[in-house]
C-alpha atoms as a PDB file:
ATOM      1  CA  MET A   1     -71.829  41.514 -74.827  1.00  0.00           C
ATOM      2  CA  SER A   2     -68.722  39.368 -74.352  1.00  0.00           C
ATOM      3  CA  ASP A   3     -68.393  35.846 -75.697  1.00  0.00           C
ATOM      4  CA  GLU A   4     -67.340  34.791 -72.175  1.00  0.00           C
ATOM      5  CA  PRO A   5     -70.002  33.067 -70.046  1.00  0.00           C
ATOM      6  CA  ILE A   6     -71.752  35.278 -67.512  1.00  0.00           C
ATOM      7  CA  TYR A   7     -74.480  34.785 -64.893  1.00  0.00           C
ATOM      8  CA  ALA A   8     -77.866  36.136 -65.898  1.00  0.00           C
ATOM      9  CA  VAL A   9     -80.581  36.396 -63.241  1.00  0.00           C
ATOM     10  CA  ILE A  10     -84.337  36.705 -63.732  1.00  0.00           C
ATOM     11  CA  LEU A  11     -86.338  37.747 -60.643  1.00  0.00           C
ATOM     12  CA  ASP A  12     -90.014  38.045 -59.923  1.00  0.00           C
ATOM     13  CA  LEU A  13     -92.031  39.165 -56.933  1.00  0.00           C
ATOM     14  CA  VAL A  14     -93.723  36.438 -54.919  1.00  0.00           C
ATOM     15  CA  ASP A  15     -97.504  36.983 -54.681  1.00  0.00           C
ATOM     16  CA  SER A  16     -97.156  40.404 -56.283  1.00  0.00           C
ATOM     17  CA  ARG A  17    -100.912  40.805 -56.785  1.00  0.00           C
ATOM     18  CA  THR A  18    -101.577  40.603 -53.046  1.00  0.00           C
ATOM     19  CA  LEU A  19     -98.974  43.179 -51.962  1.00  0.00           C
ATOM     20  CA  ASP A  20    -100.411  46.205 -50.186  1.00  0.00           C
ATOM     21  CA  ASP A  21     -98.003  48.592 -51.901  1.00  0.00           C
ATOM     22  CA  ARG A  22     -96.713  47.146 -55.166  1.00  0.00           C
ATOM     23  CA  PRO A  23     -94.756  50.274 -56.268  1.00  0.00           C
ATOM     24  CA  ALA A  24     -92.929  50.288 -52.922  1.00  0.00           C
ATOM     25  CA  ALA A  25     -92.104  46.600 -53.338  1.00  0.00           C
ATOM     26  CA  GLN A  26     -90.642  47.304 -56.781  1.00  0.00           C
ATOM     27  CA  ARG A  27     -88.432  49.991 -55.256  1.00  0.00           C
ATOM     28  CA  ASP A  28     -87.428  47.674 -52.399  1.00  0.00           C
ATOM     29  CA  VAL A  29     -86.172  45.052 -54.859  1.00  0.00           C
ATOM     30  CA  GLU A  30     -84.171  47.540 -56.908  1.00  0.00           C
ATOM     31  CA  ARG A  31     -82.679  49.079 -53.767  1.00  0.00           C
ATOM     32  CA  ALA A  32     -81.769  45.695 -52.281  1.00  0.00           C
ATOM     33  CA  PHE A  33     -79.821  44.642 -55.370  1.00  0.00           C
ATOM     34  CA  ARG A  34     -78.131  48.006 -55.807  1.00  0.00           C
ATOM     35  CA  GLU A  35     -77.135  48.939 -52.273  1.00  0.00           C
ATOM     36  CA  THR A  36     -76.356  45.861 -50.194  1.00  0.00           C
ATOM     37  CA  THR A  37     -72.888  44.801 -51.427  1.00  0.00           C
ATOM     38  CA  ASP A  38     -69.802  46.102 -53.179  1.00  0.00           C
ATOM     39  CA  VAL A  39     -70.507  43.808 -56.150  1.00  0.00           C
ATOM     40  CA  THR A  40     -70.635  45.615 -59.490  1.00  0.00           C
ATOM     41  CA  PRO A  41     -72.981  43.877 -61.942  1.00  0.00           C
ATOM     42  CA  VAL A  42     -72.277  43.695 -65.652  1.00  0.00           C
ATOM     43  CA  ASP A  43     -75.803  45.001 -66.216  1.00  0.00           C
ATOM     44  CA  PRO A  44     -77.554  46.553 -63.164  1.00  0.00           C
ATOM     45  CA  VAL A  45     -80.901  45.314 -61.942  1.00  0.00           C
ATOM     46  CA  HIS A  46     -83.875  46.754 -63.798  1.00  0.00           C
ATOM     47  CA  ALA A  47     -87.573  46.009 -64.089  1.00  0.00           C
ATOM     48  CA  THR A  48     -88.709  44.421 -67.340  1.00  0.00           C
ATOM     49  CA  VAL A  49     -92.361  43.356 -67.738  1.00  0.00           C
ATOM     50  CA  GLY A  50     -94.964  42.909 -65.034  1.00  0.00           C
ATOM     51  CA  ASP A  51     -93.330  41.900 -61.760  1.00  0.00           C
ATOM     52  CA  GLU A  52     -90.037  40.743 -63.302  1.00  0.00           C
ATOM     53  CA  PHE A  53     -86.491  42.086 -63.048  1.00  0.00           C
ATOM     54  CA  GLN A  54     -83.188  41.207 -64.689  1.00  0.00           C
ATOM     55  CA  VAL A  55     -79.538  41.597 -63.682  1.00  0.00           C
ATOM     56  CA  ILE A  56     -76.234  40.188 -64.973  1.00  0.00           C
ATOM     57  CA  TYR A  57     -73.069  39.320 -63.010  1.00  0.00           C
ATOM     58  CA  ALA A  58     -69.602  38.468 -64.301  1.00  0.00           C
ATOM     59  CA  THR A  59     -68.864  35.619 -61.876  1.00  0.00           C
ATOM     60  CA  LEU A  60     -70.649  33.028 -59.788  1.00  0.00           C
ATOM     61  CA  THR A  61     -69.224  34.619 -56.636  1.00  0.00           C
ATOM     62  CA  ASP A  62     -70.732  37.996 -57.530  1.00  0.00           C
ATOM     63  CA  ALA A  63     -74.100  36.456 -58.349  1.00  0.00           C
ATOM     64  CA  LEU A  64     -74.262  34.439 -55.118  1.00  0.00           C
ATOM     65  CA  VAL A  65     -73.082  37.236 -52.830  1.00  0.00           C
ATOM     66  CA  ALA A  66     -75.371  39.847 -54.387  1.00  0.00           C
ATOM     67  CA  SER A  67     -78.468  37.646 -54.484  1.00  0.00           C
ATOM     68  CA  THR A  68     -77.960  36.428 -50.911  1.00  0.00           C
ATOM     69  CA  ALA A  69     -77.436  39.950 -49.589  1.00  0.00           C
ATOM     70  CA  ALA A  70     -80.452  41.262 -51.490  1.00  0.00           C
ATOM     71  CA  MET A  71     -82.765  38.530 -50.201  1.00  0.00           C
ATOM     72  CA  LEU A  72     -81.677  39.312 -46.645  1.00  0.00           C
ATOM     73  CA  ALA A  73     -82.066  43.068 -47.144  1.00  0.00           C
ATOM     74  CA  LEU A  74     -85.663  42.896 -48.368  1.00  0.00           C
ATOM     75  CA  PRO A  75     -88.478  43.596 -45.897  1.00  0.00           C
ATOM     76  CA  PRO A  76     -90.121  40.384 -44.610  1.00  0.00           C
ATOM     77  CA  THR A  77     -93.288  41.275 -46.556  1.00  0.00           C
ATOM     78  CA  VAL A  78     -91.418  41.371 -49.879  1.00  0.00           C
ATOM     79  CA  GLN A  79     -89.999  38.177 -51.334  1.00  0.00           C
ATOM     80  CA  VAL A  80     -88.449  37.391 -54.689  1.00  0.00           C
ATOM     81  CA  ARG A  81     -87.866  34.145 -56.505  1.00  0.00           C
ATOM     82  CA  LEU A  82     -85.015  33.911 -58.969  1.00  0.00           C
ATOM     83  CA  GLY A  83     -83.608  31.863 -61.783  1.00  0.00           C
ATOM     84  CA  MET A  84     -79.885  32.065 -62.489  1.00  0.00           C
ATOM     85  CA  GLY A  85     -78.383  30.986 -65.795  1.00  0.00           C
ATOM     86  CA  ARG A  86     -74.760  30.567 -66.835  1.00  0.00           C
ATOM     87  CA  GLY A  87     -73.889  31.105 -70.496  1.00  0.00           C
ATOM     88  CA  THR A  88     -73.280  33.716 -73.139  1.00  0.00           C
ATOM     89  CA  VAL A  89     -75.481  36.715 -73.900  1.00  0.00           C
ATOM     90  CA  ARG A  90     -75.845  38.490 -77.219  1.00  0.00           C
ATOM     91  CA  THR A  91     -77.503  41.737 -78.233  1.00  0.00           C
ATOM     92  CA  VAL A  92     -80.199  41.135 -80.837  1.00  0.00           C
ATOM     93  CA  GLY A  93     -81.690  44.612 -81.182  1.00  0.00           C
ATOM     94  CA  SER A  94     -82.629  47.737 -79.301  1.00  0.00           C
ATOM     95  CA  GLY A  95     -85.646  48.742 -77.289  1.00  0.00           C
ATOM     96  CA  THR A  96     -86.949  51.792 -75.474  1.00  0.00           C
ATOM     97  CA  SER A  97     -85.093  50.815 -72.284  1.00  0.00           C
ATOM     98  CA  GLY A  98     -81.818  49.701 -73.896  1.00  0.00           C
ATOM     99  CA  PRO A  99     -80.352  46.789 -75.876  1.00  0.00           C
ATOM    100  CA  LEU A 100     -82.460  43.670 -76.338  1.00  0.00           C
ATOM    101  CA  GLN A 101     -80.560  40.613 -75.190  1.00  0.00           C
ATOM    102  CA  ASP A 102     -80.840  36.915 -75.908  1.00  0.00           C
ATOM    103  CA  GLY A 103     -78.693  33.818 -75.665  1.00  0.00           C
ATOM    104  CA  PRO A 104     -78.012  30.690 -73.597  1.00  0.00           C
ATOM    105  CA  ALA A 105     -77.602  32.565 -70.297  1.00  0.00           C
ATOM    106  CA  TRP A 106     -81.106  34.035 -70.529  1.00  0.00           C
ATOM    107  CA  TRP A 107     -82.631  30.783 -71.795  1.00  0.00           C
ATOM    108  CA  SER A 108     -81.065  28.971 -68.836  1.00  0.00           C
ATOM    109  CA  ALA A 109     -82.223  31.649 -66.375  1.00  0.00           C
ATOM    110  CA  ARG A 110     -85.782  31.320 -67.683  1.00  0.00           C
ATOM    111  CA  ASP A 111     -85.656  27.534 -67.345  1.00  0.00           C
ATOM    112  CA  ALA A 112     -84.270  27.979 -63.822  1.00  0.00           C
ATOM    113  CA  ILE A 113     -87.001  30.335 -62.590  1.00  0.00           C
ATOM    114  CA  ASN A 114     -89.608  27.987 -64.058  1.00  0.00           C
ATOM    115  CA  GLU A 115     -87.973  25.190 -62.069  1.00  0.00           C
ATOM    116  CA  THR A 116     -88.096  27.360 -58.948  1.00  0.00           C
ATOM    117  CA  HIS A 117     -91.842  27.766 -59.450  1.00  0.00           C
ATOM    118  CA  ARG A 118     -92.288  24.031 -59.977  1.00  0.00           C
ATOM    119  CA  ARG A 119     -90.344  23.039 -56.872  1.00  0.00           C
ATOM    120  CA  GLU A 120     -91.936  25.789 -54.775  1.00  0.00           C
ATOM    121  CA  ASP A 121     -95.329  24.278 -55.577  1.00  0.00           C
ATOM    122  CA  GLY A 122     -94.074  20.842 -54.514  1.00  0.00           C
ATOM    123  CA  ARG A 123     -92.271  19.546 -51.444  1.00  0.00           C
ATOM    124  CA  THR A 124     -89.946  22.559 -51.079  1.00  0.00           C
ATOM    125  CA  SER A 125     -92.381  25.442 -50.645  1.00  0.00           C
ATOM    126  CA  PHE A 126     -89.610  27.523 -49.048  1.00  0.00           C
ATOM    127  CA  LEU A 127     -87.473  27.427 -52.207  1.00  0.00           C
ATOM    128  CA  ARG A 128     -86.906  30.750 -53.959  1.00  0.00           C
ATOM    129  CA  SER A 129     -83.898  30.062 -56.234  1.00  0.00           C
ATOM    130  CA  TRP A 130     -82.580  27.678 -58.880  1.00  0.00           C
ATOM    131  CA  PHE A 131     -79.589  27.584 -61.233  1.00  0.00           C
ATOM    132  CA  HIS A 132     -78.906  26.116 -64.674  1.00  0.00           C
ATOM    133  CA  ALA A 133     -75.604  26.128 -66.568  1.00  0.00           C
ATOM    134  CA  SER A 134     -76.221  26.156 -70.311  1.00  0.00           C
ATOM    135  CA  ASP A 135     -72.949  24.394 -71.129  1.00  0.00           C
ATOM    136  CA  ASP A 136     -73.062  21.762 -68.366  1.00  0.00           C
ATOM    137  CA  ARG A 137     -76.605  20.817 -67.385  1.00  0.00           C
ATOM    138  CA  HIS A 138     -76.631  18.711 -64.212  1.00  0.00           C
ATOM    139  CA  GLY A 139     -72.861  19.193 -63.885  1.00  0.00           C
ATOM    140  CA  THR A 140     -70.922  19.720 -60.666  1.00  0.00           C
ATOM    141  CA  GLU A 141     -71.328  23.504 -60.469  1.00  0.00           C
ATOM    142  CA  GLU A 142     -75.051  23.312 -61.102  1.00  0.00           C
ATOM    143  CA  ARG A 143     -75.599  20.634 -58.469  1.00  0.00           C
ATOM    144  CA  LEU A 144     -73.491  22.400 -55.832  1.00  0.00           C
ATOM    145  CA  VAL A 145     -75.174  25.764 -56.339  1.00  0.00           C
ATOM    146  CA  ASN A 146     -78.659  24.271 -56.192  1.00  0.00           C
ATOM    147  CA  ALA A 147     -77.786  22.344 -53.029  1.00  0.00           C
ATOM    148  CA  TYR A 148     -76.699  25.662 -51.502  1.00  0.00           C
ATOM    149  CA  PHE A 149     -79.899  27.372 -52.667  1.00  0.00           C
ATOM    150  CA  LEU A 150     -82.021  24.690 -51.010  1.00  0.00           C
ATOM    151  CA  SER A 151     -80.214  25.190 -47.701  1.00  0.00           C
ATOM    152  CA  ARG A 152     -80.000  28.986 -47.962  1.00  0.00           C
ATOM    153  CA  ASP A 153     -83.648  29.520 -48.821  1.00  0.00           C
ATOM    154  CA  HIS A 154     -84.813  27.164 -46.073  1.00  0.00           C
ATOM    155  CA  VAL A 155     -82.809  29.070 -43.466  1.00  0.00           C
ATOM    156  CA  VAL A 156     -83.771  32.536 -44.742  1.00  0.00           C
ATOM    157  CA  ALA A 157     -87.470  31.656 -44.695  1.00  0.00           C
ATOM    158  CA  ARG A 158     -87.252  31.008 -40.930  1.00  0.00           C
ATOM    159  CA  LEU A 159     -85.122  33.987 -39.843  1.00  0.00           C
ATOM    160  CA  THR A 160     -86.378  36.674 -37.509  1.00  0.00           C
ATOM    161  CA  PRO A 161     -85.880  40.300 -38.629  1.00  0.00           C
ATOM    162  CA  ARG A 162     -82.844  40.654 -36.316  1.00  0.00           C
ATOM    163  CA  ALA A 163     -81.299  37.403 -37.550  1.00  0.00           C
ATOM    164  CA  ARG A 164     -81.759  38.620 -41.138  1.00  0.00           C
ATOM    165  CA  ARG A 165     -79.892  41.835 -40.297  1.00  0.00           C
ATOM    166  CA  ILE A 166     -77.110  39.870 -38.625  1.00  0.00           C
ATOM    167  CA  ALA A 167     -76.805  37.561 -41.613  1.00  0.00           C
ATOM    168  CA  LEU A 168     -76.734  40.518 -43.985  1.00  0.00           C
ATOM    169  CA  GLY A 169     -73.971  42.156 -41.985  1.00  0.00           C
ATOM    170  CA  LEU A 170     -71.841  39.028 -42.140  1.00  0.00           C
ATOM    171  CA  VAL A 171     -72.405  38.614 -45.893  1.00  0.00           C
ATOM    172  CA  GLN A 172     -71.324  42.227 -46.314  1.00  0.00           C
ATOM    173  CA  GLY A 173     -68.101  41.474 -44.463  1.00  0.00           C
ATOM    174  CA  ARG A 174     -68.840  43.162 -41.138  1.00  0.00           C
ATOM    175  CA  THR A 175     -67.504  41.648 -37.914  1.00  0.00           C
ATOM    176  CA  GLN A 176     -69.721  40.304 -35.169  1.00  0.00           C
ATOM    177  CA  ALA A 177     -68.503  43.119 -32.905  1.00  0.00           C
ATOM    178  CA  GLN A 178     -69.563  45.740 -35.476  1.00  0.00           C
ATOM    179  CA  ILE A 179     -72.963  44.096 -35.891  1.00  0.00           C
ATOM    180  CA  ALA A 180     -73.417  43.912 -32.122  1.00  0.00           C
ATOM    181  CA  ALA A 181     -72.735  47.637 -31.787  1.00  0.00           C
ATOM    182  CA  THR A 182     -75.290  48.436 -34.497  1.00  0.00           C
ATOM    183  CA  GLU A 183     -77.931  46.171 -32.959  1.00  0.00           C
ATOM    184  CA  GLY A 184     -77.257  47.340 -29.399  1.00  0.00           C
ATOM    185  CA  ILE A 185     -76.523  43.816 -28.154  1.00  0.00           C
ATOM    186  CA  THR A 186     -73.420  41.948 -27.026  1.00  0.00           C
ATOM    187  CA  PRO A 187     -71.081  40.108 -29.426  1.00  0.00           C
ATOM    188  CA  SER A 188     -71.996  36.948 -27.522  1.00  0.00           C
ATOM    189  CA  ALA A 189     -75.669  37.484 -28.407  1.00  0.00           C
ATOM    190  CA  VAL A 190     -74.715  37.901 -32.067  1.00  0.00           C
ATOM    191  CA  SER A 191     -72.665  34.707 -31.959  1.00  0.00           C
ATOM    192  CA  GLN A 192     -75.539  32.773 -30.382  1.00  0.00           C
ATOM    193  CA  SER A 193     -77.948  34.044 -33.027  1.00  0.00           C
ATOM    194  CA  VAL A 194     -75.576  33.039 -35.829  1.00  0.00           C
ATOM    195  CA  GLN A 195     -75.263  29.504 -34.504  1.00  0.00           C
ATOM    196  CA  LYS A 196     -78.879  28.885 -33.502  1.00  0.00           C
ATOM    197  CA  SER A 197     -80.582  30.439 -36.542  1.00  0.00           C
ATOM    198  CA  GLY A 198     -78.572  28.646 -39.220  1.00  0.00           C
ATOM    199  CA  VAL A 199     -76.948  31.874 -40.398  1.00  0.00           C
ATOM    200  CA  ALA A 200     -73.524  30.272 -39.960  1.00  0.00           C
ATOM    201  CA  ALA A 201     -74.411  27.738 -42.664  1.00  0.00           C
ATOM    202  CA  ILE A 202     -75.494  30.488 -45.072  1.00  0.00           C
ATOM    203  CA  VAL A 203     -72.321  32.504 -44.606  1.00  0.00           C
ATOM    204  CA  GLU A 204     -69.840  29.625 -44.544  1.00  0.00           C
ATOM    205  CA  GLY A 205     -71.543  27.906 -47.471  1.00  0.00           C
ATOM    206  CA  LEU A 206     -71.237  31.115 -49.442  1.00  0.00           C
ATOM    207  CA  ARG A 207     -67.529  31.329 -48.662  1.00  0.00           C
ATOM    208  CA  VAL A 208     -66.990  27.732 -49.746  1.00  0.00           C
ATOM    209  CA  LEU A 209     -68.771  28.226 -53.069  1.00  0.00           C
ATOM    210  CA  ALA A 210     -66.877  31.477 -53.601  1.00  0.00           C
ATOM    211  CA  GLY A 211     -63.564  29.674 -53.087  1.00  0.00           C
ATOM    212  CA  GLN A 212     -63.035  31.744 -49.910  1.00  0.00           C
ATOM    213  CA  GLU A 213     -62.384  34.732 -52.135  1.00  0.00           C
ATOM    214  CA  ARG A 214     -64.394  37.156 -50.052  1.00  0.00           C
END
């Protein structure tokens, strides 16, 4: 791997033992992260052990866009929690499924998903995401991203299936008119849903954090 910092993400299935169809849920997660955006990960999503997955992105923008789109694309019955870590990754060996990786990015991602669990069990039960930067703990980027995660996850947890589809379309760069045509409703109805559901905050917050690059 490169010596440049990247964004490593560890995912796990929420309440995986109670899912009616665990294999289908595994496939849903892989499909959501592979098919919902034009983001190309450094290392594509893949299952690791138990109900966990890993994926690596080159930039914060890629990691935020891909994770937001994937969460919106999942069926309502399938949820993931994630820990994102910024840092370097190194290859330390080889395994049956590919190179074995280690390094500050993965350590930070593990700390972050543990923090997600801790906060989810506390006052923010809706929370599904947390971020740690290995080289700047509690720095500006870390605080801004986590503030966005708190808002994003709260809104997503309350969305109806249609509002989730509308939000996903906007994250993918589709216009409200295109989404309206797909949903069989008017552009005005799409606009009202975006404003009333909180989707506008998700999409605009994502653009702000991405430096309006997308």
